[in-house]
N, C-alpha and C. Protein backbone atom coordinates (compact mmCIF):
# COMPACT_ATOMS: atom_id res chain seq x y z
N MET A 1 49.42 -78.74 19.38
CA MET A 1 48.26 -78.25 20.06
C MET A 1 47.24 -77.82 18.99
N PRO A 2 46.02 -78.30 19.07
CA PRO A 2 45.00 -77.93 18.07
C PRO A 2 44.75 -76.44 18.03
N ARG A 3 44.36 -75.97 16.87
CA ARG A 3 44.13 -74.55 16.66
C ARG A 3 42.99 -74.03 17.55
N THR A 4 41.94 -74.81 17.76
CA THR A 4 40.82 -74.36 18.58
C THR A 4 41.23 -74.23 20.06
N LEU A 5 42.10 -75.09 20.52
CA LEU A 5 42.59 -75.04 21.91
C LEU A 5 43.45 -73.77 22.09
N ARG A 6 44.30 -73.47 21.10
CA ARG A 6 45.10 -72.25 21.19
C ARG A 6 44.23 -71.00 21.19
N ALA A 7 43.19 -71.00 20.37
CA ALA A 7 42.27 -69.85 20.33
C ALA A 7 41.53 -69.71 21.64
N ALA A 8 41.11 -70.83 22.22
CA ALA A 8 40.41 -70.78 23.52
C ALA A 8 41.33 -70.24 24.61
N LEU A 9 42.58 -70.68 24.60
CA LEU A 9 43.54 -70.18 25.62
C LEU A 9 43.80 -68.68 25.43
N ALA A 10 43.89 -68.24 24.18
CA ALA A 10 44.13 -66.84 23.90
C ALA A 10 42.93 -65.99 24.38
N LEU A 11 41.73 -66.48 24.12
CA LEU A 11 40.52 -65.78 24.58
C LEU A 11 40.42 -65.73 26.10
N ALA A 12 40.80 -66.83 26.74
CA ALA A 12 40.78 -66.85 28.22
C ALA A 12 41.78 -65.87 28.77
N ALA A 13 42.99 -65.80 28.18
CA ALA A 13 44.00 -64.85 28.64
C ALA A 13 43.54 -63.42 28.44
N LEU A 14 42.87 -63.16 27.33
CA LEU A 14 42.34 -61.83 27.05
C LEU A 14 41.26 -61.44 28.07
N ALA A 15 40.39 -62.39 28.38
CA ALA A 15 39.33 -62.13 29.36
C ALA A 15 39.90 -61.80 30.70
N VAL A 16 40.95 -62.53 31.12
CA VAL A 16 41.59 -62.27 32.41
C VAL A 16 42.21 -60.89 32.43
N ALA A 17 42.87 -60.51 31.31
CA ALA A 17 43.51 -59.18 31.21
C ALA A 17 42.45 -58.09 31.26
N LEU A 18 41.31 -58.27 30.61
CA LEU A 18 40.27 -57.25 30.61
C LEU A 18 39.62 -57.08 31.98
N VAL A 19 39.49 -58.19 32.69
CA VAL A 19 38.91 -58.12 34.06
C VAL A 19 39.86 -57.27 34.91
N GLY A 20 41.17 -57.45 34.81
CA GLY A 20 42.11 -56.67 35.60
C GLY A 20 42.08 -55.18 35.25
N CYS A 21 41.65 -54.81 34.05
CA CYS A 21 41.59 -53.43 33.65
C CYS A 21 40.28 -52.72 34.02
N ASN A 22 39.32 -53.48 34.51
CA ASN A 22 38.04 -52.89 34.83
C ASN A 22 37.72 -52.90 36.34
N ARG A 23 38.73 -52.93 37.16
CA ARG A 23 38.51 -52.96 38.60
C ARG A 23 38.03 -51.60 39.07
N GLU A 24 37.64 -51.53 40.35
CA GLU A 24 37.13 -50.26 40.86
C GLU A 24 38.19 -49.17 40.89
N THR A 25 39.46 -49.55 40.75
CA THR A 25 40.52 -48.55 40.72
C THR A 25 40.72 -47.96 39.34
N GLY A 26 39.95 -48.44 38.37
CA GLY A 26 40.06 -47.88 37.04
C GLY A 26 41.01 -48.59 36.13
N GLY A 27 41.74 -49.57 36.64
CA GLY A 27 42.64 -50.34 35.82
C GLY A 27 43.95 -49.62 35.49
N GLY A 28 44.19 -48.45 36.01
CA GLY A 28 45.38 -47.70 35.69
C GLY A 28 46.48 -47.86 36.76
N GLU A 29 46.50 -48.99 37.44
CA GLU A 29 47.42 -49.17 38.54
C GLU A 29 48.88 -48.87 38.16
N ALA A 30 49.33 -49.33 37.02
CA ALA A 30 50.74 -49.21 36.63
C ALA A 30 51.12 -47.71 36.59
N LYS A 31 50.25 -46.86 36.04
CA LYS A 31 50.53 -45.43 35.99
C LYS A 31 50.63 -44.82 37.38
N TYR A 32 49.71 -45.20 38.24
CA TYR A 32 49.68 -44.63 39.57
C TYR A 32 50.86 -45.15 40.41
N LEU A 33 51.20 -46.42 40.25
CA LEU A 33 52.35 -46.95 40.98
C LEU A 33 53.63 -46.27 40.57
N HIS A 34 53.78 -46.00 39.25
CA HIS A 34 54.96 -45.29 38.77
C HIS A 34 55.04 -43.89 39.38
N LEU A 35 53.90 -43.20 39.41
CA LEU A 35 53.88 -41.86 40.00
C LEU A 35 54.29 -41.88 41.48
N PHE A 36 53.77 -42.84 42.23
CA PHE A 36 54.10 -42.93 43.64
C PHE A 36 55.56 -43.29 43.84
N ASN A 37 56.04 -44.26 43.06
CA ASN A 37 57.44 -44.68 43.21
C ASN A 37 58.40 -43.51 42.89
N THR A 38 58.08 -42.72 41.89
CA THR A 38 58.89 -41.57 41.51
C THR A 38 58.89 -40.54 42.65
N ALA A 39 57.71 -40.26 43.20
CA ALA A 39 57.62 -39.30 44.31
C ALA A 39 58.37 -39.84 45.52
N TRP A 40 58.25 -41.10 45.81
CA TRP A 40 58.93 -41.69 46.98
C TRP A 40 60.45 -41.56 46.82
N ALA A 41 60.95 -41.84 45.61
CA ALA A 41 62.39 -41.77 45.36
C ALA A 41 62.94 -40.38 45.54
N LYS A 42 62.14 -39.36 45.25
CA LYS A 42 62.58 -37.96 45.41
C LYS A 42 62.57 -37.53 46.87
N THR A 43 61.77 -38.18 47.73
CA THR A 43 61.59 -37.65 49.07
C THR A 43 62.14 -38.58 50.18
N SER A 44 62.52 -39.78 49.84
CA SER A 44 62.92 -40.72 50.91
C SER A 44 64.10 -41.55 50.47
N ASN A 45 64.95 -41.87 51.44
CA ASN A 45 66.08 -42.77 51.14
C ASN A 45 65.79 -44.15 51.73
N LEU A 46 64.60 -44.34 52.22
CA LEU A 46 64.20 -45.64 52.81
C LEU A 46 63.72 -46.55 51.69
N GLY A 47 63.93 -47.86 51.89
CA GLY A 47 63.52 -48.82 50.90
C GLY A 47 62.02 -48.96 50.82
N LEU A 48 61.50 -49.09 49.65
CA LEU A 48 60.08 -49.30 49.42
C LEU A 48 59.85 -50.72 48.94
N TYR A 49 59.11 -51.51 49.73
CA TYR A 49 58.91 -52.93 49.40
C TYR A 49 57.76 -53.20 48.47
N GLU A 50 56.63 -52.59 48.78
CA GLU A 50 55.41 -52.93 48.04
C GLU A 50 54.46 -51.72 48.06
N VAL A 51 53.78 -51.53 46.93
CA VAL A 51 52.79 -50.46 46.81
C VAL A 51 51.59 -51.06 46.12
N LYS A 52 50.38 -50.78 46.65
CA LYS A 52 49.14 -51.23 46.05
C LYS A 52 48.18 -50.04 45.97
N VAL A 53 47.49 -49.94 44.84
CA VAL A 53 46.46 -48.89 44.70
C VAL A 53 45.25 -49.33 45.49
N ALA A 54 44.83 -48.49 46.43
CA ALA A 54 43.68 -48.80 47.27
C ALA A 54 42.38 -48.26 46.66
N SER A 55 42.44 -47.05 46.13
CA SER A 55 41.22 -46.46 45.54
C SER A 55 41.59 -45.33 44.60
N VAL A 56 40.68 -45.08 43.70
CA VAL A 56 40.77 -43.95 42.78
C VAL A 56 39.42 -43.24 42.85
N MET A 57 39.47 -41.96 43.27
CA MET A 57 38.28 -41.17 43.40
C MET A 57 38.29 -40.06 42.37
N PRO A 58 37.44 -40.17 41.30
CA PRO A 58 37.39 -39.10 40.32
C PRO A 58 36.74 -37.84 40.91
N LEU A 59 37.23 -36.72 40.51
CA LEU A 59 36.70 -35.42 40.95
C LEU A 59 35.96 -34.77 39.79
N PRO A 60 35.05 -33.84 40.03
CA PRO A 60 34.28 -33.22 38.95
C PRO A 60 35.12 -32.53 37.91
N ASP A 61 36.28 -32.03 38.26
CA ASP A 61 37.15 -31.29 37.31
C ASP A 61 38.04 -32.19 36.51
N GLY A 62 37.87 -33.50 36.59
CA GLY A 62 38.69 -34.44 35.84
C GLY A 62 39.90 -34.97 36.60
N MET A 63 40.21 -34.33 37.69
CA MET A 63 41.33 -34.80 38.51
C MET A 63 40.89 -36.06 39.24
N LYS A 64 41.89 -36.80 39.81
CA LYS A 64 41.59 -38.00 40.59
C LYS A 64 42.43 -37.95 41.84
N VAL A 65 41.85 -38.42 42.91
CA VAL A 65 42.62 -38.64 44.14
C VAL A 65 42.87 -40.14 44.21
N VAL A 66 44.15 -40.50 44.11
CA VAL A 66 44.56 -41.89 44.12
C VAL A 66 45.17 -42.19 45.49
N THR A 67 44.62 -43.18 46.13
CA THR A 67 45.10 -43.59 47.46
C THR A 67 45.88 -44.90 47.30
N VAL A 68 47.06 -44.97 47.91
CA VAL A 68 47.88 -46.17 47.86
C VAL A 68 48.23 -46.62 49.28
N ASN A 69 48.37 -47.94 49.43
CA ASN A 69 48.91 -48.53 50.65
C ASN A 69 50.30 -48.97 50.30
N TYR A 70 51.27 -48.76 51.20
CA TYR A 70 52.64 -49.12 50.89
C TYR A 70 53.33 -49.73 52.09
N LEU A 71 54.32 -50.56 51.81
CA LEU A 71 55.15 -51.21 52.79
C LEU A 71 56.56 -50.74 52.57
N PHE A 72 57.23 -50.24 53.60
CA PHE A 72 58.57 -49.69 53.44
C PHE A 72 59.44 -50.07 54.62
N ASN A 73 60.73 -49.86 54.44
CA ASN A 73 61.71 -50.12 55.52
C ASN A 73 61.87 -48.80 56.29
N ASN A 74 61.48 -48.81 57.57
CA ASN A 74 61.58 -47.58 58.34
C ASN A 74 62.94 -47.40 59.01
N GLY A 75 63.88 -48.20 58.61
CA GLY A 75 65.23 -48.14 59.19
C GLY A 75 65.53 -49.27 60.14
N MET A 76 64.48 -49.89 60.65
CA MET A 76 64.66 -51.00 61.58
C MET A 76 63.87 -52.21 61.13
N VAL A 77 62.61 -52.02 60.84
CA VAL A 77 61.72 -53.13 60.47
C VAL A 77 60.78 -52.66 59.37
N PRO A 78 60.13 -53.56 58.67
CA PRO A 78 59.13 -53.14 57.69
C PRO A 78 57.98 -52.40 58.41
N ASP A 79 57.46 -51.38 57.75
CA ASP A 79 56.36 -50.59 58.30
C ASP A 79 55.40 -50.32 57.16
N GLN A 80 54.19 -49.94 57.47
CA GLN A 80 53.22 -49.67 56.41
C GLN A 80 52.71 -48.25 56.49
N GLY A 81 52.23 -47.77 55.35
CA GLY A 81 51.69 -46.44 55.30
C GLY A 81 50.57 -46.33 54.28
N ARG A 82 49.93 -45.19 54.26
CA ARG A 82 48.85 -44.91 53.34
C ARG A 82 49.03 -43.49 52.85
N ALA A 83 48.97 -43.31 51.56
CA ALA A 83 49.22 -41.96 51.00
C ALA A 83 48.21 -41.67 49.90
N ALA A 84 48.06 -40.42 49.56
CA ALA A 84 47.14 -39.98 48.50
C ALA A 84 47.87 -39.02 47.58
N MET A 85 47.54 -39.14 46.28
CA MET A 85 48.12 -38.28 45.27
C MET A 85 46.99 -37.60 44.51
N LEU A 86 47.21 -36.38 44.07
CA LEU A 86 46.28 -35.68 43.20
C LEU A 86 46.82 -35.87 41.79
N VAL A 87 46.06 -36.56 40.95
CA VAL A 87 46.49 -36.91 39.57
C VAL A 87 45.64 -36.15 38.57
N SER A 88 46.32 -35.55 37.61
CA SER A 88 45.63 -34.78 36.55
C SER A 88 44.99 -35.72 35.55
N PRO A 89 44.13 -35.18 34.69
CA PRO A 89 43.49 -35.98 33.65
C PRO A 89 44.55 -36.61 32.68
N GLU A 90 45.73 -35.99 32.61
CA GLU A 90 46.80 -36.55 31.76
C GLU A 90 47.63 -37.59 32.48
N ASN A 91 47.18 -38.01 33.66
CA ASN A 91 47.87 -39.01 34.50
C ASN A 91 49.25 -38.57 34.93
N ARG A 92 49.36 -37.31 35.32
CA ARG A 92 50.59 -36.75 35.94
C ARG A 92 50.21 -36.26 37.33
N LEU A 93 51.21 -36.12 38.16
CA LEU A 93 50.92 -35.54 39.48
C LEU A 93 50.48 -34.07 39.28
N ALA A 94 49.33 -33.73 39.76
CA ALA A 94 48.82 -32.36 39.65
C ALA A 94 49.51 -31.49 40.69
N ASP A 95 49.99 -32.10 41.76
CA ASP A 95 50.71 -31.38 42.82
C ASP A 95 51.85 -32.29 43.25
N PRO A 96 53.05 -31.75 43.41
CA PRO A 96 54.19 -32.61 43.80
C PRO A 96 54.07 -33.21 45.21
N CYS A 97 53.12 -32.69 45.99
CA CYS A 97 52.91 -33.19 47.35
C CYS A 97 52.07 -34.47 47.33
N VAL A 98 52.72 -35.58 47.70
CA VAL A 98 52.02 -36.82 47.95
C VAL A 98 51.77 -36.88 49.45
N VAL A 99 50.52 -36.90 49.86
CA VAL A 99 50.14 -36.72 51.26
C VAL A 99 50.21 -38.07 51.99
N ASP A 100 50.99 -38.08 53.09
CA ASP A 100 50.98 -39.20 54.03
C ASP A 100 49.72 -39.03 54.84
N LEU A 101 48.75 -39.93 54.71
CA LEU A 101 47.45 -39.75 55.32
C LEU A 101 47.48 -39.92 56.84
N ALA A 102 48.51 -40.57 57.37
CA ALA A 102 48.57 -40.75 58.84
C ALA A 102 48.87 -39.45 59.54
N ILE A 103 49.63 -38.56 58.90
CA ILE A 103 50.04 -37.31 59.55
C ILE A 103 49.60 -36.06 58.79
N ASP A 104 48.92 -36.24 57.65
CA ASP A 104 48.47 -35.12 56.83
C ASP A 104 49.59 -34.18 56.47
N GLN A 105 50.70 -34.78 56.05
CA GLN A 105 51.90 -33.99 55.63
C GLN A 105 52.38 -34.58 54.30
N CYS A 106 53.11 -33.78 53.55
CA CYS A 106 53.73 -34.28 52.33
C CYS A 106 54.79 -35.30 52.70
N LEU A 107 55.05 -36.25 51.83
CA LEU A 107 56.07 -37.27 52.11
C LEU A 107 57.44 -36.65 52.35
N GLY A 108 57.76 -35.60 51.68
CA GLY A 108 59.05 -34.94 51.87
C GLY A 108 59.03 -33.92 53.00
N GLY A 109 57.91 -33.80 53.68
CA GLY A 109 57.78 -32.79 54.73
C GLY A 109 56.98 -31.58 54.23
N GLY A 110 56.45 -30.86 55.10
CA GLY A 110 55.66 -29.66 54.74
C GLY A 110 54.19 -29.95 54.69
N ALA A 111 53.44 -28.88 54.77
CA ALA A 111 51.98 -28.99 54.73
C ALA A 111 51.47 -29.06 53.31
N PRO A 112 50.50 -29.93 53.04
CA PRO A 112 49.96 -30.01 51.69
C PRO A 112 49.13 -28.81 51.34
N VAL A 113 49.12 -28.46 50.06
CA VAL A 113 48.29 -27.34 49.56
C VAL A 113 46.84 -27.86 49.36
N TRP A 114 46.71 -29.12 49.03
CA TRP A 114 45.41 -29.74 48.82
C TRP A 114 45.22 -30.78 49.94
N HIS A 115 43.96 -31.12 50.19
CA HIS A 115 43.69 -32.09 51.24
C HIS A 115 42.92 -33.28 50.69
N ALA A 116 43.47 -34.46 50.93
CA ALA A 116 42.83 -35.68 50.47
C ALA A 116 41.65 -36.01 51.36
N LYS A 117 40.59 -36.48 50.72
CA LYS A 117 39.40 -36.91 51.46
C LYS A 117 38.94 -38.26 50.97
N PRO A 118 39.84 -39.29 51.07
CA PRO A 118 39.40 -40.60 50.56
C PRO A 118 38.46 -41.32 51.52
């Protein structure tokens, strides 16, 4: 393979990677997905099939409200949900409560201390 063709392919791959990092969600999907998966594992014994970052809303204090859509096994059939997390500037959960937006409750139960407004 000629050197110029290899260089062109490498530049094309780099351009594709950079486009993925500049989406409206901020390009930090992997961090947010890991946070949600960890919170889900602590609060549920149901299977989690798929999680997608829906939005990232920066707040004036540097925090972010990250909204995710997820597909899970509800015990009988696949079901879907929507949740929000409060993420610190260091990309950690600022509050252990991940809010199920359908019922405005923490995934593990209980009332949230903060309220998501996505």
